[in-house]
Every structure is written in structure tokens, then in C-alpha cells.
Protein backbone atom coordinates (compact mmCIF):
# COMPACT_ATOMS: atom_id res chain seq x y z
CA MET A 1 15.48 4.97 -21.06
CA SER A 2 18.95 6.33 -20.25
CA ALA A 3 20.15 7.65 -16.94
CA ASN A 4 19.75 11.24 -18.66
CA ASP A 5 16.36 10.81 -19.86
CA GLN A 6 15.19 9.53 -16.24
CA PRO A 7 12.53 11.88 -14.34
CA GLN A 8 13.39 13.95 -11.60
CA LEU A 9 10.12 14.12 -9.53
CA ASP A 10 9.63 17.16 -7.17
CA LEU A 11 8.19 15.10 -4.49
CA TYR A 12 7.32 16.58 -0.90
CA SER A 13 7.66 20.03 -1.98
CA GLY A 14 4.35 21.71 -1.34
CA LYS A 15 3.67 21.39 -5.17
CA PRO A 16 0.40 19.95 -6.85
CA GLN A 17 1.12 16.57 -7.96
CA HIS A 18 -2.37 15.74 -9.52
CA ASP A 19 -1.22 16.25 -12.79
CA VAL A 20 1.95 14.36 -12.08
CA PHE A 21 0.72 11.10 -10.31
CA PRO A 22 -1.73 9.65 -13.38
CA ARG A 23 1.29 10.10 -15.64
CA LEU A 24 3.88 8.36 -14.18
CA ILE A 25 3.54 5.40 -16.72
CA GLU A 26 4.56 7.87 -19.29
CA MET A 27 7.70 8.74 -17.21
CA PHE A 28 9.54 5.22 -16.06
CA PRO A 29 9.74 1.72 -17.51
CA THR A 30 6.38 -0.31 -16.35
CA GLY A 31 5.54 -3.93 -16.51
CA ARG A 32 1.84 -3.97 -17.63
CA MET A 33 -1.06 -6.26 -16.66
CA GLU A 34 -4.06 -6.89 -18.80
CA PRO A 35 -7.61 -7.57 -17.43
CA GLU A 36 -8.57 -10.79 -18.93
CA ALA A 37 -11.90 -11.45 -17.23
CA PRO A 38 -13.24 -7.93 -15.75
CA ARG A 39 -15.83 -8.58 -13.01
CA PRO A 40 -17.13 -4.93 -12.26
CA PHE A 41 -19.05 -4.63 -8.58
CA PRO A 42 -22.54 -4.31 -8.97
CA ARG A 43 -24.45 -1.04 -8.06
CA GLY A 44 -26.10 -0.96 -4.85
CA SER A 45 -28.25 1.87 -2.91
CA GLU A 46 -26.53 5.42 -3.45
CA LEU A 47 -24.98 6.58 -0.51
CA THR A 48 -25.10 10.57 0.51
CA LEU A 49 -21.71 11.39 2.53
CA PRO A 50 -22.04 12.84 6.14
CA ILE A 51 -21.71 16.92 5.72
CA GLU A 52 -19.39 16.64 8.78
CA PHE A 53 -16.80 14.27 10.88
CA SER A 54 -15.06 14.50 13.93
CA PHE A 55 -11.61 14.70 14.50
CA ASP A 56 -9.32 15.84 17.26
CA GLY A 57 -12.67 17.10 19.18
CA THR A 58 -13.72 19.20 16.43
CA ALA A 59 -16.26 19.09 13.40
CA ARG A 60 -14.70 18.72 10.47
CA SER A 61 -16.43 19.38 6.98
CA VAL A 62 -16.27 16.74 4.59
CA ALA A 63 -16.20 18.54 1.47
CA ASP A 64 -13.40 20.59 2.68
CA PHE A 65 -11.34 17.91 3.49
CA LEU A 66 -11.79 16.50 0.41
CA ALA A 67 -10.67 19.17 -1.17
CA SER A 68 -8.00 20.28 1.02
CA THR A 69 -6.33 16.63 0.02
CA ASP A 70 -6.44 16.90 -3.27
CA THR A 71 -8.59 13.99 -3.42
CA VAL A 72 -8.99 12.43 -6.90
CA ALA A 73 -11.24 9.60 -6.17
CA LEU A 74 -13.68 8.23 -3.56
CA LEU A 75 -15.33 4.79 -3.87
CA VAL A 76 -17.24 2.89 -1.48
CA THR A 77 -18.41 -0.60 -1.59
CA LYS A 78 -20.62 -2.55 0.94
CA ASP A 79 -20.95 -6.38 0.84
CA GLY A 80 -19.18 -6.09 -2.54
CA GLN A 81 -21.50 -3.47 -3.77
CA ILE A 82 -20.69 -0.01 -4.87
CA LEU A 83 -22.35 2.60 -2.94
CA LEU A 84 -20.39 5.82 -3.99
CA GLU A 85 -17.99 6.26 -6.69
CA GLU A 86 -16.77 10.08 -7.38
CA TYR A 87 -13.96 11.63 -9.14
CA PHE A 88 -12.43 15.14 -8.93
CA LEU A 89 -9.51 16.87 -10.47
CA THR A 90 -7.58 14.41 -12.89
CA GLY A 91 -9.24 11.29 -11.49
CA GLY A 92 -11.60 9.35 -13.23
CA ARG A 93 -13.26 6.05 -13.55
CA THR A 94 -10.59 4.46 -16.01
CA VAL A 95 -7.67 6.73 -14.75
CA GLY A 96 -5.01 4.75 -13.08
CA TRP A 97 -3.43 6.26 -10.02
CA ILE A 98 0.07 5.37 -7.88
CA SER A 99 -0.28 3.31 -5.08
CA TRP A 100 2.57 4.64 -3.07
CA SER A 101 2.71 2.21 -0.07
CA VAL A 102 -0.69 0.83 -0.98
CA ALA A 103 1.43 -1.67 -3.13
CA LYS A 104 2.91 -3.20 -0.18
CA SER A 105 -0.11 -4.86 1.03
CA PHE A 106 -0.47 -6.42 -2.64
CA VAL A 107 3.19 -7.79 -2.14
CA SER A 108 2.59 -9.26 1.03
CA ALA A 109 -0.91 -11.25 -0.11
CA LEU A 110 1.97 -12.56 -3.48
CA VAL A 111 4.05 -13.77 -0.53
CA GLY A 112 1.57 -15.20 1.22
CA VAL A 113 0.38 -17.17 -2.10
CA ALA A 114 4.24 -18.01 -2.98
CA VAL A 115 4.34 -20.06 0.42
CA ALA A 116 0.88 -21.59 -0.15
CA GLU A 117 2.46 -23.02 -3.63
CA GLY A 118 5.66 -24.11 -2.07
CA HIS A 119 7.90 -21.45 -3.48
CA VAL A 120 8.73 -20.09 -0.13
CA GLY A 121 8.95 -22.77 2.68
CA SER A 122 7.52 -20.76 5.71
CA VAL A 123 7.66 -17.18 7.15
CA GLU A 124 10.34 -19.07 9.42
CA ASP A 125 12.96 -18.74 6.49
CA SER A 126 15.64 -16.51 6.10
CA MET A 127 15.17 -13.83 3.28
CA ASP A 128 18.56 -14.97 1.53
CA ARG A 129 17.69 -18.17 0.81
CA CYS A 130 15.73 -17.20 -1.94
CA ALA A 131 17.45 -13.90 -2.62
CA PRO A 132 20.97 -14.51 -2.37
CA ALA A 133 21.65 -11.12 -3.70
CA LEU A 134 20.64 -10.11 0.26
CA LYS A 135 23.59 -12.05 1.37
CA GLY A 136 26.14 -9.77 3.27
CA SER A 137 23.07 -7.17 3.73
CA ALA A 138 20.84 -6.31 6.59
CA TYR A 139 18.50 -8.80 5.41
CA GLN A 140 20.63 -11.73 5.94
CA GLY A 141 19.64 -14.58 8.19
CA VAL A 142 16.65 -12.39 9.02
CA ARG A 143 13.13 -14.30 9.13
CA ILE A 144 10.66 -13.28 6.33
CA ARG A 145 7.89 -12.82 9.14
CA ASP A 146 10.25 -9.81 10.58
CA VAL A 147 10.10 -8.38 7.31
CA LEU A 148 6.67 -8.84 6.54
CA GLN A 149 6.16 -6.91 10.04
CA MET A 150 8.75 -4.22 9.26
CA SER A 151 10.94 -5.17 11.92
CA SER A 152 14.11 -6.57 9.93
CA GLY A 153 16.22 -4.28 12.06
CA ALA A 154 17.64 -2.70 8.69
CA ARG A 155 18.68 1.07 9.35
CA TRP A 156 16.22 3.31 7.75
CA SER A 157 15.62 7.09 7.84
CA GLU A 158 12.09 8.46 6.63
CA ASP A 159 11.93 12.27 6.60
CA TYR A 160 10.33 13.25 3.32
CA SER A 161 11.81 16.68 4.09
CA ASP A 162 15.74 15.72 4.45
CA PRO A 163 16.98 15.26 0.61
CA GLU A 164 19.56 12.75 2.81
CA SER A 165 16.99 10.53 4.41
CA ASP A 166 16.90 6.88 3.02
CA VAL A 167 13.32 7.17 1.84
CA ILE A 168 14.47 10.37 -0.43
CA ARG A 169 17.74 8.28 -1.63
CA ILE A 170 15.70 5.29 -2.77
CA GLY A 171 13.50 7.33 -4.94
CA ASN A 172 16.41 9.18 -6.33
CA ALA A 173 18.27 6.19 -6.94
CA ILE A 174 15.19 5.19 -9.75
CA ALA A 175 15.04 8.73 -10.82
CA ALA A 176 18.85 8.43 -11.60
CA GLY A 177 18.59 5.13 -13.38
CA GLY A 178 19.90 3.33 -10.55
CA SER A 179 19.28 -0.46 -9.21
CA LEU A 180 16.86 -1.36 -6.42
CA ASP A 181 18.29 -4.49 -5.78
CA ASP A 182 21.63 -2.74 -5.40
CA PHE A 183 20.12 -0.42 -2.79
CA VAL A 184 18.63 -2.86 -0.62
CA SER A 185 21.85 -5.08 -0.61
CA GLY A 186 23.50 -2.21 0.81
CA MET A 187 21.27 -1.92 3.48
CA THR A 188 22.86 -2.14 7.03
CA ARG A 189 21.51 -3.15 10.45
CA ALA A 190 20.44 -0.91 13.27
CA THR A 191 18.59 -3.05 15.70
CA THR A 192 17.90 -6.90 16.47
CA PRO A 193 15.43 -8.22 13.84
CA GLY A 194 12.23 -8.81 15.53
CA THR A 195 12.10 -6.40 18.02
CA VAL A 196 11.34 -2.84 16.60
CA CYS A 197 8.65 -2.10 13.87
CA GLN A 198 10.43 0.66 11.92
CA TYR A 199 8.48 1.34 8.95
CA ASN A 200 10.81 0.59 5.99
CA PHE A 201 10.46 0.90 2.32
CA ALA A 202 13.45 -1.04 1.76
CA ASP A 203 11.72 -4.07 3.50
CA THR A 204 9.21 -4.49 0.95
CA GLN A 205 11.53 -4.15 -1.88
CA ALA A 206 13.20 -6.81 -0.28
CA LEU A 207 10.03 -8.90 0.10
CA GLY A 208 10.02 -8.15 -3.90
CA MET A 209 13.43 -9.61 -4.59
CA LEU A 210 12.44 -12.73 -2.57
CA LEU A 211 9.38 -13.12 -4.67
CA VAL A 212 11.35 -12.87 -7.97
CA GLY A 213 14.11 -15.20 -6.69
CA ALA A 214 11.63 -17.82 -5.50
CA THR A 215 9.35 -17.82 -8.30
CA GLY A 216 11.70 -17.24 -11.12
CA ARG A 217 9.14 -14.86 -12.23
CA SER A 218 8.57 -10.87 -12.22
CA LEU A 219 6.09 -9.20 -9.96
CA THR A 220 4.38 -8.19 -13.04
CA GLU A 221 3.68 -11.73 -13.82
CA TYR A 222 3.21 -13.42 -10.74
CA MET A 223 0.56 -10.74 -9.74
CA GLN A 224 -0.87 -10.87 -13.25
CA GLU A 225 -1.84 -14.92 -12.80
CA LYS A 226 -2.35 -14.95 -9.42
CA LEU A 227 -4.41 -11.93 -8.35
CA TYR A 228 -4.76 -9.53 -11.23
CA THR A 229 -7.16 -11.96 -13.54
CA PRO A 230 -8.49 -13.96 -10.77
CA LEU A 231 -9.73 -10.57 -8.89
CA GLY A 232 -11.21 -9.58 -12.25
CA MET A 233 -9.28 -6.49 -12.55
CA GLU A 234 -11.14 -3.88 -15.05
CA CYS A 235 -8.51 -2.04 -16.69
CA PRO A 236 -4.87 -2.15 -17.52
CA GLY A 237 -2.49 -2.10 -14.74
CA TYR A 238 1.25 -1.29 -14.27
CA TRP A 239 4.08 -1.77 -12.03
CA LEU A 240 6.87 1.27 -12.44
CA ARG A 241 9.99 -0.63 -12.80
CA ASP A 242 13.99 0.63 -12.48
CA SER A 243 16.27 0.86 -15.20
CA ARG A 244 17.42 -2.84 -14.62
CA GLY A 245 13.67 -3.92 -14.96
CA MET A 246 13.07 -4.53 -11.42
CA GLU A 247 9.59 -3.53 -10.19
CA MET A 248 9.03 -0.56 -7.38
CA ALA A 249 7.68 -3.25 -4.93
CA PHE A 250 7.36 -0.66 -2.14
CA GLY A 251 5.13 1.76 -3.80
CA GLY A 252 5.14 1.73 -7.79
CA LEU A 253 1.71 0.24 -8.65
CA CYS A 254 -0.86 1.68 -10.91
CA LEU A 255 -4.44 1.28 -11.01
CA THR A 256 -7.66 2.51 -10.74
CA ALA A 257 -9.97 2.99 -8.08
CA ARG A 258 -12.28 0.15 -8.47
CA ASP A 259 -8.93 -2.16 -9.01
CA PHE A 260 -7.48 -0.63 -5.64
CA ALA A 261 -10.88 -1.76 -4.36
CA LYS A 262 -10.16 -5.55 -5.04
CA ILE A 263 -7.70 -6.10 -2.82
CA GLY A 264 -9.78 -4.57 -0.01
CA GLU A 265 -12.65 -7.04 -0.79
CA LEU A 266 -10.51 -9.94 -1.09
CA TYR A 267 -9.15 -9.36 2.35
CA ARG A 268 -12.86 -8.59 3.59
CA LEU A 269 -13.62 -12.16 2.55
CA ARG A 270 -10.78 -13.35 3.91
CA GLY A 271 -8.74 -13.99 0.82
CA ARG A 272 -11.60 -15.97 -1.00
CA ILE A 273 -13.46 -14.40 -4.28
CA GLY A 274 -16.29 -16.87 -5.05
CA GLU A 275 -15.41 -20.33 -4.74
CA ARG A 276 -11.68 -19.74 -4.75
CA GLN A 277 -9.06 -19.28 -1.85
CA LEU A 278 -6.86 -16.83 -3.70
CA VAL A 279 -5.01 -16.06 -0.29
CA PRO A 280 -4.92 -18.76 2.38
CA GLU A 281 -7.31 -17.48 5.20
CA PRO A 282 -4.58 -17.89 8.06
CA TRP A 283 -2.36 -15.75 5.98
CA VAL A 284 -5.25 -13.06 5.89
CA GLU A 285 -5.64 -13.32 9.58
CA ALA A 286 -1.93 -12.89 10.34
CA SER A 287 -1.94 -9.89 8.14
CA VAL A 288 -4.37 -7.67 9.72
CA ARG A 289 -3.56 -8.03 13.35
CA PRO A 290 -0.36 -7.02 15.47
CA SER A 291 0.81 -10.29 16.47
CA ALA A 292 3.67 -9.04 19.17
CA ASP A 293 4.11 -6.49 21.29
CA HIS A 294 6.54 -4.00 19.46
CA LEU A 295 3.84 -4.22 16.49
CA GLN A 296 0.81 -3.08 18.76
CA VAL A 297 -0.99 0.26 18.46
CA GLY A 298 1.54 2.96 19.79
CA ARG A 299 4.93 1.06 19.28
CA VAL A 300 5.52 1.72 15.18
CA LEU A 301 7.72 4.29 14.57
CA VAL A 302 7.56 6.07 11.11
CA GLY A 303 10.24 8.53 10.42
CA GLY A 304 11.36 8.60 13.95
CA HIS A 305 7.69 9.18 15.34
CA VAL A 306 5.22 6.74 16.83
CA LEU A 307 2.06 6.48 15.12
CA PRO A 308 -0.89 5.29 16.79
CA LEU A 309 -1.58 2.58 14.79
CA GLY A 310 -0.66 -1.20 15.04
CA TYR A 311 0.93 -3.41 12.31
CA GLY A 312 0.37 -6.87 10.48
CA TYR A 313 2.31 -8.05 7.31
CA GLN A 314 2.38 -4.84 5.45
CA TRP A 315 -1.35 -3.78 6.74
CA TRP A 316 -1.97 -1.07 9.22
CA ILE A 317 -4.34 -1.60 12.09
CA PRO A 318 -5.95 1.39 13.52
CA ALA A 319 -6.83 1.76 17.04
CA GLY A 320 -10.00 0.16 18.62
CA SER A 321 -12.00 -3.03 18.36
CA ARG A 322 -13.91 -3.04 15.37
CA GLY A 323 -11.26 -5.17 13.52
CA GLU A 324 -10.71 -2.49 10.49
CA PHE A 325 -7.28 -2.40 8.87
CA SER A 326 -5.80 -0.35 5.85
CA ALA A 327 -3.52 -0.18 3.35
CA ILE A 328 -2.09 3.48 3.37
CA GLY A 329 0.52 5.46 1.12
CA VAL A 330 2.08 8.57 1.07
CA TYR A 331 -0.05 11.26 -0.26
CA ASN A 332 -3.28 9.93 1.77
CA GLN A 333 -3.67 6.74 -0.70
CA PHE A 334 -6.26 4.63 1.35
CA VAL A 335 -7.61 1.24 1.05
CA PHE A 336 -9.65 0.91 4.12
CA VAL A 337 -11.76 -2.13 5.38
CA ASP A 338 -14.31 -2.47 8.13
CA PRO A 339 -15.11 -6.14 7.88
CA SER A 340 -17.70 -5.69 10.77
CA ARG A 341 -19.65 -3.52 8.39
CA GLY A 342 -18.90 -4.84 5.08
CA VAL A 343 -17.52 -2.06 3.94
CA CYS A 344 -14.68 -1.16 1.70
CA ILE A 345 -13.40 2.39 1.05
CA VAL A 346 -10.55 3.59 -1.44
CA LYS A 347 -9.45 7.11 -0.89
CA LEU A 348 -7.08 8.27 -3.73
CA SER A 349 -5.20 11.56 -3.20
CA ALA A 350 -2.39 14.01 -4.29
CA ASN A 351 -2.33 15.87 -0.96
CA ARG A 352 0.30 18.73 -1.52
CA ARG A 353 1.32 19.59 1.94
CA TYR A 354 2.28 15.76 2.70
CA GLY A 355 5.91 15.25 3.75
CA THR A 356 6.38 18.83 4.08
CA SER A 357 6.91 18.35 7.85
CA PRO A 358 6.34 15.56 9.97
CA CYS A 359 3.05 16.54 11.70
CA GLU A 360 -0.11 15.34 11.48
CA ALA A 361 -1.48 19.12 10.22
CA THR A 362 0.32 18.41 6.74
CA ASN A 363 -0.15 14.72 6.46
CA ARG A 364 -3.68 14.09 7.72
CA GLU A 365 -3.60 10.10 7.91
CA MET A 366 -5.18 10.03 11.16
CA GLU A 367 -7.65 12.54 10.36
CA THR A 368 -8.31 10.53 6.87
CA ILE A 369 -8.91 7.30 9.16
CA GLU A 370 -11.35 9.06 11.01
CA PHE A 371 -13.14 10.54 8.18
CA LEU A 372 -13.06 6.99 6.67
CA ARG A 373 -14.69 5.60 9.76
CA ALA A 374 -17.68 8.36 9.59
CA VAL A 375 -18.02 7.32 6.01
CA ALA A 376 -18.56 3.37 7.07
CA ALA A 377 -20.50 4.21 9.65
CA ALA A 378 -22.87 6.14 7.25
CA ALA A 379 -22.53 3.06 4.64
CA SER A 380 -23.87 0.70 7.22
CA SER A 381 -26.57 2.84 8.52
CA GLY A 382 -28.18 3.06 5.04
CA PRO A 383 -30.44 0.93 3.13
CA ASN A 384 -27.88 -2.17 2.67
CA ARG A 385 -27.55 -2.04 6.57
């Protein structure tokens, strides 16, 4: 695909996106992953969604919330069984959907596997040891741990309404036929690594470069062997790629709702599926808890604003004591896990108002977490409790 043929996406404009998001694999170069030994989730007792949930001191209609956030898929599992599976708009059981930043949690899992296999020495190693292209960039000499925790110190601006912000420029670089490796290698430093948790797409893209350098394989190939086949994915999956064949590690994974749920189920089971430990249990534990002061709830910066969430290894941790964690992507993509209830919930969406302002009123991420908590509670109080 030439630069002139590259698509120009109209994101964060308020326009409907539910027709666009399932077609991105037709618009960009991709790497394809094949289901080799599909293992569908068994069915459990049917779950009836609550009529309302509470957010910000008011009762919210579940039906209105699902419609107004352009929800395309809602999947609920408990103890590995499907309790609810509903699709709306352009969603469907075999429809692949763009992950956006939910992909970051898959990349984290792959880094954990690479460490366990010895491709990467440890999270204390510097990023440029396995990715020489990062020498001279903000990532030179930075620990892998700090990048996993979005604490690299690299300069980053995440204002979706500002066409000059880094988050828009990295997207434009792909759409214009540019190189993700070049973009990341040009990053400069703003803060001391390991001191500030500043959510940064480039940090995950740098982890993608690390994986490619350490394993000698593409993300597509490595994920096929280490996660896609062992997890029993049911449908073909795709990584969006730039013009040079590098995967969009920070957000370019396209899967079905059922296959997204399998990363949540893997982490609910502490990295183990059946008799096989796919991701080391200590890695899973480190991934889903804030381990330093700057990672705690209320300390994480996104677009210059503090979110009431904590951060682990590319996973978000909501406030509270239940031990919940979530992969979260723009436009309200969620893989939400409540291990204490045995529940995993996938919500795929195209919230058209997302990013039109930096406010919760348009982005609705904290509201979504409270909705997911209400669904998890309903799932645990039913016949399968």
C-alpha cells in the first residue's frame, strides 16, 4: 500500500465509528493469526442484566448506557462459562473489533513470556539492550519495568482534541505511510524514569520493538505461538501494521469478543490454562497491582489529568479492595476481571463522543467501570454463585 493509498481516519470528531472499526483490517496492512485448536467457552446459566446501576450518586439506565456508548458487544463469563453474550449495531460473534489500548495488556503478557523463556534477561534490563534502535532516544538506559508501568519518562501529550498532540501524531504517522519505529526512536525525555506514571502509547510501541528484537520474530508470529494457539482462540485475529510491517503494538489488535475474553480468563486464572502455565504467575501478580507510590490510584496521568485508577504492567487497577483489574481502550473497549467473583466481562464499543473533550461526561470510562461492577455483582448473585 502506497502512502497515497493510506486511509485517513476521522477519529475523535464525534462521528459514528461502528461501521469503521470492524473494517480496519481492510484499510491497513495486517499480520494474521489463525485459530488452530479452538476451544469455545461452555455455556452457563443465563444472566439477566440489571435494569440500573449507580454512578456519581445517581441511578443510570443500563439500556440507555449501552445505546449511548455505541456498544457493539457485551460478553460475561463466570468461572469460564458464558452467562451472557449480546451484540448490537455492527457487532457479531465472528466480527473482529479493534482493541485500541486493550492490546497493551496482550503485549505485556508476551513480554512476560519472553522473560520466562530467556529472550529478555529481566525487567531490570535497559530497553535498548534488545532494541538497539532505541539508543539515543528517551528509552536508552530505561528499565523495562519502568516502560511496562508507563513510567519511562518519555515526553508525551494525549489530548485527542489537539491535532498536534503526540497521540494524534502517532496515528497520523501510520495513516500517512510512516514508520512506528522511527516515531518511537525520536522520542525525547521529559521526566526521570520510574518517578511519574504518564500514560503513553509510545511506551507500549517500544515494548513491541523490544519483543521483535529479543525474539527475532514479529508480534504476530510470537503471539500466534505463545498465546493465540494455546488459548484456543476461535476466529482469525489480526495485528494492524505500518507500511514497514511493524505491528501497531499500542492498539492495533483485532479480535472477536470471545477471543478478547480469553486474555481476561487467562489472568483470572493467574496465567494458567488447564495444565499449562502460559504466563508466569509472578508476572501476572506484578501486572495487576501498583507496586510503587507513583502507580497508585489517583497518581496516574492521562492527557495531563489524573485518573482515579492505578497501574501495573499495562493493566489498569480500579480503586477498591476487590482485586479487580482491566484492560481499557479508547472508545470504551474493556476486558474487566473480578477474580473474587470469578467474572470476566468484555465490552466493545464505538462511543462516538469519546475524545471530543477530556471530560468523563464524554469519555465515560469511570461510568463504564461502575456498570461493569454492577454486572459482575449480578453474575455472582445468580444461580452460578
